[in-house]
Amino acid sequence: MSAMAAPHPLNRNLFIADNLSLLRRLDNESIDLVCIDPPFAKKKTWKGALKPPLTKAELADERAMLRDWGIRNAADAETAGVVWPDGADSTYKDIWEWDKDVHEDWIAKMNSDWPALSKAIEATRSAHDEGHAAYLAYMSVRLIEIHRILKPTGSLYLHCDYEVNSYVRIMLDGIFGWSNIRNELVWSYQRWTGATNRFQRMHDTIYFYAKDAAKTNFNRLTEPYSEKSQHKGRRRTTFTPEGKIEQTYTDDTTREKAMRDVWEISYLNSQARERAGYPTQKPVALAERIIKASTNPGDVVLDCFAGCAYVPVAAERNGRQWIACDVSPRALTVLRRQFAKFRYSVNGEAQGESPALIAAADVTLRSPSDLPERTDEDPVPAQDIKPLPERRYKVPASKIPEPTMKKFLLESLGYNCWGCGFNPPQNDERYFQLDHRESRWSSGSNELPNRAILCQPCNLEKQHKMTLQELRDRNTTQGRNYGPLVNLAKASAAAQAEYDKHVAQSYQSALTKG
């Protein structure tokens, strides 16, 4: 921890609780980084066995811990919002149902304070299904709290995949604001798979959002140049005696470039030292890169989906403070094991035979009834959602071709401009343009009853800014009347009759063809 960073009262606290309950108890703007690997709405139940297998003593410790908290069985655990450890296998249901997983007060809050989220969830319900809409509702109420607790310089990194990434992006835009997305990161990896009728899915998406893009903390990371570019070495710039700039390359080929948004980090195979047994476990190297980019030593990192413990391990390795939360007591078992692999201590005791690298890394375990108390003032105000302007649509194409409409209006009503009365020599129709009486920008129709004949100067003057009558009034005021004006009532009647005639002919033609 850096000398400048103040110790956080919850540093190295592991909460076994519903993370929404914890998030609501954390102070405003108290966290530097939130790095989470939440469920992916995969519509399946994940099942995995710890490696090495869970011992009877570890299972007994998990159940004893819950009983010490007054949680005696699966029913008590459900009431407390945690998972009862049934046996050696770790299972997680990633199936979401609206009537079972969504609380009415969540939707009420979003409807009143975050209407953009409500619309996004409803759109997901229509475009995908209710299960994905329920998942978004579950995530939204938590991300609202995460947005609140992040410092102005803070960041969120959220893992997802093809199943929900497009819906999650809209949800995050609705909470953080579309201008605060910093990157859509791609974690690319390779692993063995069978043949399928599509390209292999070999990447996850990580959304990187800032609380405030103008203030966010970011440390520039680098990566090596490609072999093609690396051989050039570092560039040296000098001036010749004549004052010209001369650039040469040295023998130093260690230069690096700013890191890309595609990260090639190895997937944890079944034999990896870090492998804890969860099928969706992420590598510590992934969390380390995130932590190095968006925090400084001593900053506070939160992982509220911490079952695999990879974020606490990465934070500990890089001198950051951390807070973790998970609904399963197995999170403590995994944390102990992962700390043992990296030779850290838990509760003051080394977790393996090798000496602990950090002997003082005492983890404080907290129950669902032992959540922190807020020490700040009332929560930040609800997001100000600006009302959207009335939606307008492009007017569909006319039923009668425009050249036909222009010819009819000129021949039946005379070769005069309807705005100023101008009559060209020899009734030359090239002086006229077909325009609208009511602008199409004001929902005016493209059809014949709304059309008018204008000379080019009147058409340029009118554009879409005024109606035909307003153009006439302006021309009269400015003395630009050059001849008799068409009677608009007569013009409307003639145009409507011609339009009705055309529609009737089209209808009759359709019946004949049918």
Protein backbone atom coordinates (compact mmCIF):
# COMPACT_ATOMS: atom_id res chain seq x y z
CA MET A 1 0.00 0.00 0.00
CA SER A 2 1.38 3.41 -0.91
CA ALA A 3 2.15 5.95 1.81
CA MET A 4 -0.43 8.30 0.30
CA ALA A 5 -3.36 5.85 0.39
CA ALA A 6 -5.53 5.83 3.49
CA PRO A 7 -6.36 2.38 4.88
CA HIS A 8 -9.91 1.42 3.97
CA PRO A 9 -11.90 0.08 6.95
CA LEU A 10 -13.13 -2.84 4.82
CA ASN A 11 -9.77 -3.81 3.32
CA ARG A 12 -9.42 -7.61 2.99
CA ASN A 13 -13.04 -8.16 3.98
CA LEU A 14 -14.81 -11.12 2.41
CA PHE A 15 -18.60 -10.89 2.68
CA ILE A 16 -20.71 -14.02 2.30
CA ALA A 17 -23.92 -12.24 1.37
CA ASP A 18 -26.15 -11.02 -1.44
CA ASN A 19 -23.98 -8.39 -3.10
CA LEU A 20 -26.92 -5.98 -3.52
CA SER A 21 -27.24 -5.80 0.27
CA LEU A 22 -23.53 -5.00 0.55
CA LEU A 23 -23.49 -2.47 -2.28
CA ARG A 24 -26.33 -0.52 -0.69
CA ARG A 25 -24.28 -0.27 2.53
CA LEU A 26 -21.13 1.17 0.92
CA ASP A 27 -20.47 4.91 1.02
CA ASN A 28 -20.81 7.17 -1.99
CA GLU A 29 -17.65 7.52 -4.10
CA SER A 30 -15.51 5.24 -1.90
CA ILE A 31 -14.21 2.67 -4.44
CA ASP A 32 -11.49 3.14 -7.09
CA LEU A 33 -12.18 0.10 -9.25
CA VAL A 34 -14.96 -2.47 -9.60
CA CYS A 35 -13.89 -5.58 -11.52
CA ILE A 36 -16.63 -8.19 -11.84
CA ASP A 37 -17.24 -11.46 -13.65
CA PRO A 38 -21.02 -11.82 -13.15
CA PRO A 39 -23.28 -14.54 -14.57
CA PHE A 40 -23.58 -14.56 -18.36
CA ALA A 41 -27.27 -15.63 -18.61
CA LYS A 42 -26.25 -18.90 -20.29
CA LYS A 43 -29.53 -20.67 -19.43
CA LYS A 44 -27.74 -23.58 -17.78
CA THR A 45 -26.65 -24.77 -14.37
CA TRP A 46 -22.90 -24.82 -13.95
CA LYS A 47 -21.42 -27.66 -11.96
CA GLY A 48 -17.81 -28.05 -10.96
CA ALA A 49 -15.70 -29.88 -8.43
CA LEU A 50 -12.80 -28.17 -6.71
CA LYS A 51 -9.31 -29.27 -7.67
CA PRO A 52 -8.08 -30.99 -5.61
CA PRO A 53 -11.46 -32.29 -4.42
CA LEU A 54 -13.13 -30.59 -1.47
CA THR A 55 -12.25 -32.35 1.76
CA LYS A 56 -14.77 -33.40 4.39
CA ALA A 57 -13.11 -30.98 6.81
CA GLU A 58 -13.54 -28.05 4.39
CA LEU A 59 -17.21 -28.88 3.85
CA ALA A 60 -17.74 -29.17 7.60
CA ASP A 61 -16.04 -25.78 8.11
CA GLU A 62 -18.35 -24.15 5.54
CA ARG A 63 -21.49 -25.50 7.20
CA ALA A 64 -20.22 -24.71 10.69
CA MET A 65 -19.52 -21.14 9.62
CA LEU A 66 -23.11 -20.74 8.41
CA ARG A 67 -24.53 -22.34 11.56
CA ASP A 68 -22.53 -19.87 13.65
CA TRP A 69 -24.48 -17.20 11.80
CA GLY A 70 -27.84 -18.86 12.54
CA ILE A 71 -28.11 -20.41 9.07
CA ARG A 72 -28.90 -24.07 9.73
CA ASN A 73 -30.14 -25.42 6.39
CA ALA A 74 -30.93 -24.60 2.74
CA ALA A 75 -34.19 -22.83 3.66
CA ASP A 76 -32.40 -20.54 6.12
CA ALA A 77 -29.71 -19.87 3.51
CA GLU A 78 -32.30 -18.84 0.92
CA THR A 79 -33.88 -16.45 3.42
CA ALA A 80 -30.45 -14.94 4.15
CA GLY A 81 -29.66 -14.61 0.43
CA VAL A 82 -26.76 -17.07 0.43
CA VAL A 83 -26.09 -20.60 -0.86
CA TRP A 84 -26.13 -23.68 1.38
CA PRO A 85 -23.20 -26.03 0.57
CA ASP A 86 -24.95 -29.31 -0.29
CA GLY A 87 -21.81 -31.29 -1.01
CA ALA A 88 -18.40 -31.36 -2.63
CA ASP A 89 -19.65 -30.10 -6.00
CA SER A 90 -20.10 -26.38 -6.58
CA THR A 91 -23.21 -25.59 -8.58
CA TYR A 92 -24.52 -22.31 -9.89
CA LYS A 93 -27.84 -21.81 -11.63
CA ASP A 94 -27.46 -19.29 -14.46
CA ILE A 95 -31.12 -19.42 -15.49
CA TRP A 96 -33.26 -16.32 -14.97
CA GLU A 97 -37.03 -16.08 -14.58
CA TRP A 98 -38.98 -12.85 -14.31
CA ASP A 99 -41.53 -14.00 -11.72
CA LYS A 100 -38.90 -15.67 -9.49
CA ASP A 101 -35.82 -13.45 -9.75
CA VAL A 102 -37.09 -9.88 -10.22
CA HIS A 103 -38.30 -7.81 -7.27
CA GLU A 104 -41.13 -5.36 -7.80
CA ASP A 105 -39.27 -2.58 -5.99
CA TRP A 106 -36.38 -2.88 -8.49
CA ILE A 107 -38.70 -2.09 -11.38
CA ALA A 108 -40.45 0.68 -9.44
CA LYS A 109 -37.10 2.37 -8.80
CA MET A 110 -36.03 2.10 -12.42
CA ASN A 111 -39.37 3.38 -13.67
CA SER A 112 -39.12 6.45 -11.45
CA ASP A 113 -35.38 7.21 -11.46
CA TRP A 114 -33.88 5.37 -14.45
CA PRO A 115 -36.52 5.23 -17.20
CA ALA A 116 -33.88 4.57 -19.87
CA LEU A 117 -33.12 1.26 -18.13
CA SER A 118 -36.78 0.29 -18.06
CA LYS A 119 -37.00 0.82 -21.80
CA ALA A 120 -33.82 -1.18 -22.41
CA ILE A 121 -35.15 -4.08 -20.35
CA GLU A 122 -38.49 -4.04 -22.13
CA ALA A 123 -36.71 -3.99 -25.50
CA THR A 124 -34.67 -7.02 -24.42
CA ARG A 125 -37.86 -8.79 -23.42
CA SER A 126 -39.23 -8.25 -26.93
CA ALA A 127 -36.02 -8.87 -28.88
CA HIS A 128 -34.83 -11.88 -26.87
CA ASP A 129 -36.97 -13.27 -24.03
CA GLU A 130 -38.12 -12.69 -20.48
CA GLY A 131 -35.16 -14.60 -19.08
CA HIS A 132 -32.67 -12.14 -20.48
CA ALA A 133 -34.87 -9.24 -19.38
CA ALA A 134 -34.86 -10.68 -15.85
CA TYR A 135 -31.07 -10.97 -15.97
CA LEU A 136 -30.76 -7.31 -16.98
CA ALA A 137 -33.08 -6.25 -14.16
CA TYR A 138 -30.93 -8.22 -11.70
CA MET A 139 -27.74 -6.62 -12.99
CA SER A 140 -29.19 -3.11 -13.36
CA VAL A 141 -30.03 -2.56 -9.70
CA ARG A 142 -26.50 -3.65 -8.77
CA LEU A 143 -24.82 -1.50 -11.39
CA ILE A 144 -26.80 1.55 -10.24
CA GLU A 145 -25.20 1.06 -6.81
CA ILE A 146 -21.78 0.42 -8.36
CA HIS A 147 -22.04 3.70 -10.26
CA ARG A 148 -22.87 5.45 -6.99
CA ILE A 149 -19.97 4.03 -4.97
CA LEU A 150 -17.28 4.63 -7.60
CA LYS A 151 -15.05 7.64 -7.08
CA PRO A 152 -15.11 10.34 -9.80
CA THR A 153 -11.77 8.88 -10.95
CA GLY A 154 -13.06 5.30 -10.71
CA SER A 155 -13.72 2.64 -13.33
CA LEU A 156 -15.83 -0.45 -13.93
CA TYR A 157 -14.67 -3.55 -15.82
CA LEU A 158 -17.47 -6.02 -16.53
CA HIS A 159 -16.97 -9.43 -18.19
CA CYS A 160 -19.61 -10.90 -20.52
CA ASP A 161 -19.82 -12.87 -23.75
CA TYR A 162 -21.83 -13.11 -26.97
CA GLU A 163 -24.96 -14.23 -25.13
CA VAL A 164 -25.65 -10.86 -23.51
CA ASN A 165 -22.93 -8.38 -24.52
CA SER A 166 -25.14 -6.30 -26.81
CA TYR A 167 -27.87 -5.99 -24.16
CA VAL A 168 -25.34 -5.29 -21.39
CA ARG A 169 -23.82 -2.46 -23.46
CA ILE A 170 -27.21 -0.71 -23.69
CA MET A 171 -27.76 -1.25 -19.95
CA LEU A 172 -24.36 0.26 -19.11
CA ASP A 173 -24.95 3.21 -21.45
CA GLY A 174 -28.20 3.84 -19.60
CA ILE A 175 -26.41 3.97 -16.23
CA PHE A 176 -22.93 5.35 -16.92
CA GLY A 177 -23.76 7.34 -20.07
CA TRP A 178 -22.62 6.36 -23.56
CA SER A 179 -19.81 8.95 -23.47
CA ASN A 180 -18.14 7.19 -20.54
CA ILE A 181 -17.33 3.91 -22.24
CA ARG A 182 -13.55 3.78 -22.58
CA ASN A 183 -13.11 0.42 -24.31
CA GLU A 184 -14.85 -2.70 -25.45
CA LEU A 185 -11.99 -5.05 -24.63
CA VAL A 186 -11.64 -8.46 -26.22
CA TRP A 187 -10.06 -11.23 -24.16
CA SER A 188 -8.88 -13.66 -26.83
CA TYR A 189 -7.82 -17.19 -25.96
CA GLN A 190 -7.48 -20.66 -27.45
CA ARG A 191 -8.74 -23.97 -26.12
CA TRP A 192 -9.65 -27.37 -27.46
CA THR A 193 -13.14 -27.65 -28.96
CA GLY A 194 -15.01 -29.98 -31.28
CA ALA A 195 -16.06 -29.23 -34.84
CA THR A 196 -19.23 -27.16 -35.27
CA ASN A 197 -21.14 -25.45 -38.06
CA ARG A 198 -19.85 -22.00 -37.04
CA PHE A 199 -16.58 -20.25 -36.22
CA GLN A 200 -15.18 -21.15 -32.81
CA ARG A 201 -16.13 -18.74 -30.02
CA MET A 202 -12.76 -17.92 -28.56
CA HIS A 203 -13.17 -14.59 -26.82
CA ASP A 204 -15.03 -12.79 -24.05
CA THR A 205 -15.97 -9.13 -23.95
CA ILE A 206 -14.88 -6.83 -21.11
CA TYR A 207 -16.63 -3.46 -20.94
CA PHE A 208 -14.49 -0.70 -19.46
CA TYR A 209 -16.55 2.28 -18.27
CA ALA A 210 -15.42 5.38 -16.41
CA LYS A 211 -17.48 7.11 -13.76
CA ASP A 212 -16.38 10.34 -15.48
CA ALA A 213 -14.31 10.03 -18.66
CA ALA A 214 -12.71 13.44 -18.06
CA LYS A 215 -11.43 12.46 -14.60
CA THR A 216 -10.81 8.72 -14.75
CA ASN A 217 -7.50 7.33 -13.57
CA PHE A 218 -5.67 5.42 -16.29
CA ASN A 219 -2.09 4.16 -16.42
CA ARG A 220 -0.77 3.60 -19.93
CA LEU A 221 0.22 -0.03 -20.46
CA THR A 222 2.46 -1.21 -23.29
CA GLU A 223 3.11 -4.37 -25.27
CA PRO A 224 5.93 -5.47 -27.60
CA TYR A 225 5.92 -4.53 -31.25
CA SER A 226 5.36 -7.27 -33.80
CA GLU A 227 8.42 -9.13 -35.04
CA LYS A 228 8.17 -7.22 -38.31
CA SER A 229 8.53 -3.86 -36.56
CA GLN A 230 10.62 -4.86 -33.57
CA HIS A 231 13.85 -5.44 -35.49
CA LYS A 232 14.11 -1.72 -36.22
CA GLY A 233 15.00 -0.97 -32.62
CA ARG A 234 14.51 2.37 -30.90
CA ARG A 235 14.52 5.44 -33.12
CA ARG A 236 17.14 8.16 -32.62
CA THR A 237 16.60 11.68 -33.98
CA THR A 238 19.63 13.91 -34.68
CA PHE A 239 20.43 17.07 -36.66
CA THR A 240 23.00 17.14 -39.44
CA PRO A 241 25.55 20.02 -39.65
CA GLU A 242 23.27 21.48 -42.33
CA GLY A 243 20.37 21.58 -39.84
CA LYS A 244 18.40 18.73 -41.36
CA ILE A 245 16.60 16.13 -39.23
CA GLU A 246 18.05 12.64 -39.48
CA GLN A 247 16.44 9.55 -37.96
CA THR A 248 18.25 6.28 -37.36
CA TYR A 249 17.45 3.08 -35.51
CA THR A 250 19.58 1.80 -32.63
CA ASP A 251 20.28 -1.82 -31.68
CA ASP A 252 17.86 -1.55 -28.73
CA THR A 253 14.83 -3.66 -29.74
CA THR A 254 13.07 -3.45 -26.36
CA ARG A 255 10.78 -0.60 -27.38
CA GLU A 256 7.04 -1.18 -26.90
CA LYS A 257 3.79 0.33 -28.15
CA ALA A 258 0.59 1.32 -26.36
CA MET A 259 -1.49 -1.75 -25.56
CA ARG A 260 -4.33 -2.71 -27.91
CA ASP A 261 -7.88 -3.51 -26.89
CA VAL A 262 -7.46 -7.16 -27.88
CA TRP A 263 -5.80 -9.09 -25.05
CA GLU A 264 -4.30 -12.48 -25.75
CA ILE A 265 -4.08 -14.10 -22.33
CA SER A 266 -4.06 -17.88 -21.98
CA TYR A 267 -7.24 -19.60 -20.88
CA LEU A 268 -6.89 -21.67 -17.70
CA ASN A 269 -6.63 -25.29 -18.81
CA SER A 270 -7.57 -28.19 -16.55
CA GLN A 271 -3.97 -28.59 -15.35
CA ALA A 272 -3.22 -24.92 -14.69
CA ARG A 273 -1.79 -24.15 -11.28
CA GLU A 274 -4.45 -21.50 -10.70
CA ARG A 275 -7.35 -23.77 -11.64
CA ALA A 276 -9.78 -23.92 -8.71
CA GLY A 277 -12.37 -26.14 -10.38
CA TYR A 278 -14.93 -23.60 -11.61
CA PRO A 279 -15.58 -23.95 -15.36
CA THR A 280 -15.87 -20.16 -15.79
CA GLN A 281 -12.79 -19.21 -13.75
CA LYS A 282 -10.72 -16.29 -15.09
CA PRO A 283 -6.90 -16.06 -14.87
CA VAL A 284 -5.22 -13.81 -12.32
CA ALA A 285 -3.19 -12.25 -15.17
CA LEU A 286 -6.42 -10.81 -16.59
CA ALA A 287 -7.33 -9.07 -13.34
CA GLU A 288 -3.73 -7.90 -12.88
CA ARG A 289 -3.77 -6.09 -16.21
CA ILE A 290 -7.02 -4.35 -15.30
CA ILE A 291 -5.77 -3.38 -11.84
CA LYS A 292 -2.48 -2.00 -13.17
CA ALA A 293 -4.27 0.07 -15.80
CA SER A 294 -6.96 1.67 -13.63
CA THR A 295 -5.58 1.87 -10.10
CA ASN A 296 -2.47 2.92 -8.21
CA PRO A 297 -0.88 1.17 -5.20
CA GLY A 298 -3.15 1.47 -2.18
CA ASP A 299 -6.35 2.06 -4.19
CA VAL A 300 -9.48 0.07 -3.31
CA VAL A 301 -10.70 -2.71 -5.62
CA LEU A 302 -14.13 -4.31 -5.27
CA ASP A 303 -15.21 -7.69 -6.65
CA CYS A 304 -18.79 -8.48 -5.69
CA PHE A 305 -18.93 -11.74 -7.70
CA ALA A 306 -15.81 -13.15 -6.08
CA GLY A 307 -16.36 -16.91 -6.11
CA CYS A 308 -13.07 -17.67 -7.90
CA ALA A 309 -11.01 -15.15 -5.86
CA TYR A 310 -8.90 -14.14 -8.86
CA VAL A 311 -9.45 -10.40 -8.25
CA PRO A 312 -8.44 -10.45 -4.53
CA VAL A 313 -5.31 -12.43 -5.46
CA ALA A 314 -4.41 -9.96 -8.21
CA ALA A 315 -5.06 -7.00 -5.90
CA GLU A 316 -2.89 -8.52 -3.17
CA ARG A 317 -0.08 -9.22 -5.63
CA ASN A 318 -0.07 -5.58 -6.75
CA GLY A 319 -0.37 -3.78 -3.44
CA ARG A 320 -4.02 -2.75 -3.73
CA GLN A 321 -6.67 -2.86 -1.05
CA TRP A 322 -9.64 -5.07 -1.83
CA ILE A 323 -13.20 -5.95 -0.80
CA ALA A 324 -14.88 -9.15 -1.97
CA CYS A 325 -18.38 -10.58 -1.80
CA ASP A 326 -20.05 -13.82 -2.88
CA VAL A 327 -23.26 -15.66 -2.04
CA SER A 328 -21.49 -18.96 -1.38
CA PRO A 329 -19.35 -19.85 1.66
CA ARG A 330 -17.21 -21.82 -0.79
CA ALA A 331 -15.68 -18.46 -1.71
CA LEU A 332 -13.70 -18.60 1.54
CA THR A 333 -12.50 -22.13 0.78
CA VAL A 334 -11.37 -21.06 -2.68
CA LEU A 335 -9.76 -17.89 -1.33
CA ARG A 336 -7.75 -19.93 1.18
CA ARG A 337 -6.60 -22.29 -1.56
CA GLN A 338 -5.71 -19.54 -4.02
CA PHE A 339 -3.80 -17.60 -1.38
CA ALA A 340 -1.90 -20.79 -0.58
CA LYS A 341 -0.81 -21.09 -4.23
CA PHE A 342 0.56 -17.56 -4.13
CA ARG A 343 1.93 -17.99 -0.59
CA TYR A 344 -0.27 -15.40 1.10
CA SER A 345 -1.71 -15.82 4.56
CA VAL A 346 -5.32 -15.94 5.67
CA ASN A 347 -6.23 -14.98 9.23
CA GLY A 348 -2.53 -14.61 10.01
CA GLU A 349 -1.68 -18.16 8.99
CA ALA A 350 0.25 -19.30 5.93
CA GLN A 351 -1.96 -21.51 3.78
CA GLY A 352 0.85 -23.85 2.71
CA GLU A 353 4.19 -25.24 3.76
CA SER A 354 6.16 -22.42 2.10
CA PRO A 355 6.64 -19.18 4.09
CA ALA A 356 3.90 -16.62 3.43
CA LEU A 357 4.95 -13.72 1.22
CA ILE A 358 2.43 -11.48 2.98
CA ALA A 359 2.11 -12.71 6.54
CA ALA A 360 -0.23 -9.88 7.54
CA ALA A 361 -2.83 -10.44 4.81
CA ASP A 362 -5.52 -11.23 7.34
CA VAL A 363 -8.92 -11.76 5.75
CA THR A 364 -11.95 -10.68 7.76
CA LEU A 365 -14.98 -12.85 7.12
CA ARG A 366 -18.38 -11.14 7.31
CA SER A 367 -21.87 -12.66 7.43
CA PRO A 368 -25.12 -11.41 5.80
CA SER A 369 -26.06 -9.81 9.14
CA ASP A 370 -22.63 -8.17 9.58
CA LEU A 371 -22.76 -5.59 6.80
CA PRO A 372 -21.17 -2.15 7.16
CA GLU A 373 -23.13 0.96 8.08
CA ARG A 374 -23.22 3.97 5.78
CA THR A 375 -21.18 6.90 7.13
CA ASP A 376 -21.95 9.43 4.40
CA GLU A 377 -24.95 11.62 3.66
CA ASP A 378 -27.98 10.65 1.62
CA PRO A 379 -27.35 8.84 -1.66
CA VAL A 380 -26.55 10.87 -4.74
CA PRO A 381 -29.66 12.14 -6.58
CA ALA A 382 -31.29 9.99 -9.22
CA GLN A 383 -30.01 10.38 -12.73
CA ASP A 384 -31.59 13.26 -14.63
CA ILE A 385 -33.20 11.74 -17.69
CA LYS A 386 -33.94 14.34 -20.34
CA PRO A 387 -37.23 13.84 -22.20
CA LEU A 388 -36.79 12.71 -25.77
CA PRO A 389 -38.14 14.94 -28.55
CA GLU A 390 -41.18 13.78 -30.46
CA ARG A 391 -40.14 11.15 -32.96
CA ARG A 392 -40.59 11.95 -36.64
CA TYR A 393 -40.34 9.69 -39.64
CA LYS A 394 -39.50 10.14 -43.25
CA VAL A 395 -42.67 10.63 -45.35
CA PRO A 396 -43.23 7.65 -47.65
CA ALA A 397 -42.91 8.01 -51.40
CA SER A 398 -45.87 9.38 -53.37
CA LYS A 399 -48.40 7.11 -55.04
CA ILE A 400 -48.28 9.34 -58.15
CA PRO A 401 -44.87 9.99 -59.77
CA GLU A 402 -43.61 13.54 -59.18
CA PRO A 403 -43.31 14.43 -62.92
CA THR A 404 -46.99 13.41 -63.36
CA MET A 405 -48.05 15.55 -60.38
CA LYS A 406 -46.12 18.57 -61.66
CA LYS A 407 -47.63 18.23 -65.15
CA PHE A 408 -51.19 17.93 -63.78
CA LEU A 409 -50.91 21.00 -61.52
CA LEU A 410 -49.44 23.18 -64.27
CA GLU A 411 -51.92 22.13 -66.93
CA SER A 412 -55.03 22.29 -64.74
CA LEU A 413 -54.22 25.40 -62.65
CA GLY A 414 -51.97 27.48 -64.86
CA TYR A 415 -48.27 28.18 -65.28
CA ASN A 416 -47.92 30.60 -62.37
CA CYS A 417 -45.84 30.30 -59.19
CA TRP A 418 -48.15 29.64 -56.24
CA GLY A 419 -45.96 31.77 -53.99
CA CYS A 420 -45.43 35.00 -55.97
CA GLY A 421 -47.53 34.64 -59.17
CA PHE A 422 -44.52 34.70 -61.52
CA ASN A 423 -45.32 33.52 -65.08
CA PRO A 424 -42.30 32.61 -67.26
CA PRO A 425 -42.00 33.31 -71.00
CA GLN A 426 -43.84 30.77 -73.17
CA ASN A 427 -45.05 29.05 -70.00
CA ASP A 428 -41.63 27.33 -69.77
CA GLU A 429 -42.08 24.61 -67.12
CA ARG A 430 -38.33 24.49 -66.48
CA TYR A 431 -38.75 27.58 -64.27
CA PHE A 432 -40.93 25.63 -61.83
CA GLN A 433 -40.29 23.08 -59.09
CA LEU A 434 -42.68 20.77 -57.26
CA ASP A 435 -42.80 21.55 -53.53
CA HIS A 436 -45.09 21.05 -50.49
CA ARG A 437 -47.83 23.23 -49.07
CA GLU A 438 -47.18 21.91 -45.55
CA SER A 439 -43.52 21.00 -45.07
CA ARG A 440 -42.78 17.26 -44.81
CA TRP A 441 -40.63 18.19 -41.81
CA SER A 442 -43.94 19.15 -40.16
CA SER A 443 -45.50 15.80 -41.09
CA GLY A 444 -46.77 17.10 -44.43
CA SER A 445 -47.69 14.44 -46.97
CA ASN A 446 -45.85 13.76 -50.23
CA GLU A 447 -49.15 13.16 -52.00
CA LEU A 448 -50.79 15.38 -54.61
CA PRO A 449 -53.25 17.26 -52.31
CA ASN A 450 -50.27 18.69 -50.37
CA ARG A 451 -48.19 19.66 -53.42
CA ALA A 452 -47.56 23.15 -54.86
CA ILE A 453 -45.82 24.74 -57.84
CA LEU A 454 -43.05 27.21 -56.97
CA CYS A 455 -40.49 29.14 -58.91
CA GLN A 456 -36.88 28.53 -57.92
CA PRO A 457 -36.47 31.75 -55.81
CA CYS A 458 -39.65 30.96 -53.84
CA ASN A 459 -38.56 27.35 -53.33
CA LEU A 460 -35.20 28.48 -51.97
CA GLU A 461 -36.91 30.98 -49.69
CA LYS A 462 -39.47 28.53 -48.35
CA GLN A 463 -37.33 25.37 -47.96
CA HIS A 464 -38.77 23.43 -44.99
CA LYS A 465 -38.95 26.45 -42.71
CA MET A 466 -42.47 27.67 -43.54
CA THR A 467 -45.79 26.71 -45.07
CA LEU A 468 -46.95 27.89 -48.47
CA GLN A 469 -49.31 30.41 -46.84
CA GLU A 470 -46.45 31.80 -44.72
CA LEU A 471 -44.37 32.18 -47.90
CA ARG A 472 -47.23 34.06 -49.57
CA ASP A 473 -47.61 36.38 -46.59
CA ARG A 474 -43.89 37.16 -46.60
CA ASN A 475 -43.87 37.86 -50.34
CA THR A 476 -46.85 40.22 -49.93
CA THR A 477 -45.12 42.07 -47.06
CA GLN A 478 -41.90 42.46 -49.09
CA GLY A 479 -43.64 43.38 -52.36
CA ARG A 480 -42.74 40.26 -54.29
CA ASN A 481 -46.08 39.59 -56.01
CA TYR A 482 -45.65 39.38 -59.80
CA GLY A 483 -49.01 38.03 -60.93
CA PRO A 484 -52.25 36.38 -59.89
CA LEU A 485 -51.98 33.65 -57.26
CA VAL A 486 -53.64 30.29 -57.54
CA ASN A 487 -56.83 29.92 -55.47
CA LEU A 488 -55.72 27.34 -52.89
CA ALA A 489 -59.24 26.03 -52.22
CA LYS A 490 -59.75 25.38 -55.92
CA ALA A 491 -56.28 23.83 -56.16
CA SER A 492 -57.03 21.52 -53.18
CA ALA A 493 -60.30 20.34 -54.70
CA ALA A 494 -58.72 19.61 -58.09
CA ALA A 495 -55.73 17.82 -56.54
CA GLN A 496 -57.91 15.71 -54.23
CA ALA A 497 -60.17 14.66 -57.12
CA GLU A 498 -57.19 13.63 -59.24
CA TYR A 499 -55.62 11.77 -56.31
CA ASP A 500 -58.88 9.88 -55.56
CA LYS A 501 -59.18 9.00 -59.23
CA HIS A 502 -55.65 7.59 -59.29
CA VAL A 503 -56.21 5.56 -56.10
CA ALA A 504 -59.46 4.11 -57.50
CA GLN A 505 -57.71 3.13 -60.73
CA SER A 506 -54.89 1.45 -58.78
CA TYR A 507 -57.39 -0.44 -56.64
CA GLN A 508 -59.35 -1.61 -59.68
CA SER A 509 -56.12 -2.70 -61.36
CA ALA A 510 -55.15 -4.72 -58.29
CA LEU A 511 -58.54 -6.45 -58.24
CA THR A 512 -58.25 -7.30 -61.94
CA LYS A 513 -54.80 -8.82 -61.44
CA GLY A 514 -56.03 -10.75 -58.42
